[in-house]
Each structure stands twice: as C-alpha cells, then as structure tokens.
Amino acid sequence: MDLYSIDVSALGDTVWVTGDDGSCVGRFSKRFGIDLHRTVTEQMAGAAQCLHCTHDAAGAVEWQEFLEAIRRHYGIEVPADIISF
C-alpha cells in the first residue's frame, strides 16, 4: 500500500505532495512553478533529483501539467479542485 499526503497552503497557492518515504516529491506553486523530484531514498541511491521542474510563475495550464506528471511518476491522483485560478 502506497502512503502519501497532499497539503495545501493556507493561501491556497501552493500544494505539496509527500511520498511514501516521507520526502516531498512534488510541489506546485503559483509563484515559483513546479518541482517534481525523486524520493530522497532514490536520490541517496544515486538517482538525479529532478523529474520535472520549472522556475517561473504557474497558472492553470501548469497546474494540469503538474497533475499529469505526479500521476505519471507516482500514481498519485491529486484532486484538481484543491486550488483555484
């Protein structure tokens, strides 16, 4: 059974996804963009950190990109309506 958590900032502009090893595997920020990383466990085994990262402000199009990438890489279904634009 995969364990993970999804957290949203009080302002509703940032989402964090924590993987089953306790490391943050994904962050979406309206201000800072997308960070989709391998788990710390994978990184300690020698894997590169980034899977899909941007460093620009993000909107609805990038949100959909994040949702698809976190699903593809981790099988995690983040509810599309947890933030709004």
Protein backbone atom coordinates (compact mmCIF):
# COMPACT_ATOMS: atom_id res chain seq x y z
CA MET A 1 0.00 0.00 0.00
CA ASP A 2 1.41 3.37 -1.03
CA LEU A 3 1.21 6.09 1.57
CA TYR A 4 1.39 9.75 0.68
CA SER A 5 -0.02 13.09 1.76
CA ILE A 6 -1.24 16.17 -0.05
CA ASP A 7 -1.09 19.53 1.70
CA VAL A 8 -2.29 22.96 0.58
CA SER A 9 -1.05 26.30 1.90
CA ALA A 10 -3.44 28.49 3.88
CA LEU A 11 -3.45 30.96 0.97
CA GLY A 12 -4.39 28.20 -1.48
CA ASP A 13 -1.46 28.97 -3.78
CA THR A 14 0.93 26.08 -3.05
CA VAL A 15 0.46 22.31 -2.96
CA TRP A 16 2.95 19.79 -1.56
CA VAL A 17 2.87 16.04 -2.21
CA THR A 18 4.82 13.85 0.21
CA GLY A 19 5.81 10.36 -0.93
CA ASP A 20 5.72 7.08 0.96
CA ASP A 21 9.25 7.54 2.32
CA GLY A 22 8.31 10.89 3.90
CA SER A 23 10.09 13.09 1.37
CA CYS A 24 8.42 15.85 -0.61
CA VAL A 25 8.17 14.52 -4.17
CA GLY A 26 6.12 17.34 -5.63
CA ARG A 27 5.41 21.00 -5.11
CA PHE A 28 3.22 23.26 -7.20
CA SER A 29 3.41 26.98 -6.51
CA LYS A 30 1.58 29.72 -8.33
CA ARG A 31 4.56 31.93 -7.59
CA PHE A 32 7.52 29.56 -8.09
CA GLY A 33 6.29 26.88 -10.52
CA ILE A 34 6.65 23.11 -10.46
CA ASP A 35 9.11 20.91 -8.58
CA LEU A 36 8.68 17.19 -9.15
CA HIS A 37 11.52 15.18 -7.59
CA ARG A 38 12.58 11.63 -6.99
CA THR A 39 12.26 10.47 -3.40
CA VAL A 40 15.15 11.08 -1.03
CA THR A 41 15.55 7.30 -0.88
CA GLU A 42 16.11 7.21 -4.66
CA GLN A 43 18.45 10.20 -4.51
CA MET A 44 20.55 8.58 -1.78
CA ALA A 45 20.84 5.53 -4.06
CA GLY A 46 22.36 7.78 -6.74
CA ALA A 47 19.37 8.95 -8.79
CA ALA A 48 19.18 12.53 -10.02
CA GLN A 49 16.85 14.85 -8.09
CA CYS A 50 14.57 16.44 -10.68
CA LEU A 51 11.90 14.69 -12.71
CA HIS A 52 10.06 17.79 -13.93
CA CYS A 53 10.93 21.25 -12.65
CA THR A 54 10.15 24.81 -13.73
CA HIS A 55 11.09 28.05 -12.04
CA ASP A 56 8.52 30.52 -13.28
CA ALA A 57 5.11 31.62 -12.03
CA ALA A 58 2.49 28.98 -12.79
CA GLY A 59 -1.17 29.08 -13.74
CA ALA A 60 -3.96 26.72 -14.72
CA VAL A 61 -2.06 25.18 -17.65
CA GLU A 62 0.93 24.38 -15.45
CA TRP A 63 -1.40 23.01 -12.76
CA GLN A 64 -2.72 20.46 -15.25
CA GLU A 65 0.87 19.67 -16.24
CA PHE A 66 1.72 19.07 -12.57
CA LEU A 67 -1.33 16.84 -12.03
CA GLU A 68 -0.41 14.71 -15.04
CA ALA A 69 3.26 14.47 -14.06
CA ILE A 70 2.60 13.45 -10.43
CA ARG A 71 0.13 10.82 -11.69
CA ARG A 72 2.58 9.51 -14.29
CA HIS A 73 5.61 9.33 -11.99
CA TYR A 74 3.95 8.33 -8.70
CA GLY A 75 0.43 7.15 -9.45
CA ILE A 76 -0.90 9.83 -7.10
CA GLU A 77 -4.22 11.43 -8.02
CA VAL A 78 -4.14 14.99 -6.72
CA PRO A 79 -7.67 16.48 -6.75
CA ALA A 80 -7.75 19.16 -9.45
CA ASP A 81 -10.06 21.39 -7.39
CA ILE A 82 -7.86 21.79 -4.29
CA ILE A 83 -6.64 25.11 -5.65
CA SER A 84 -8.34 27.58 -7.97
CA PHE A 85 -7.26 30.13 -10.53
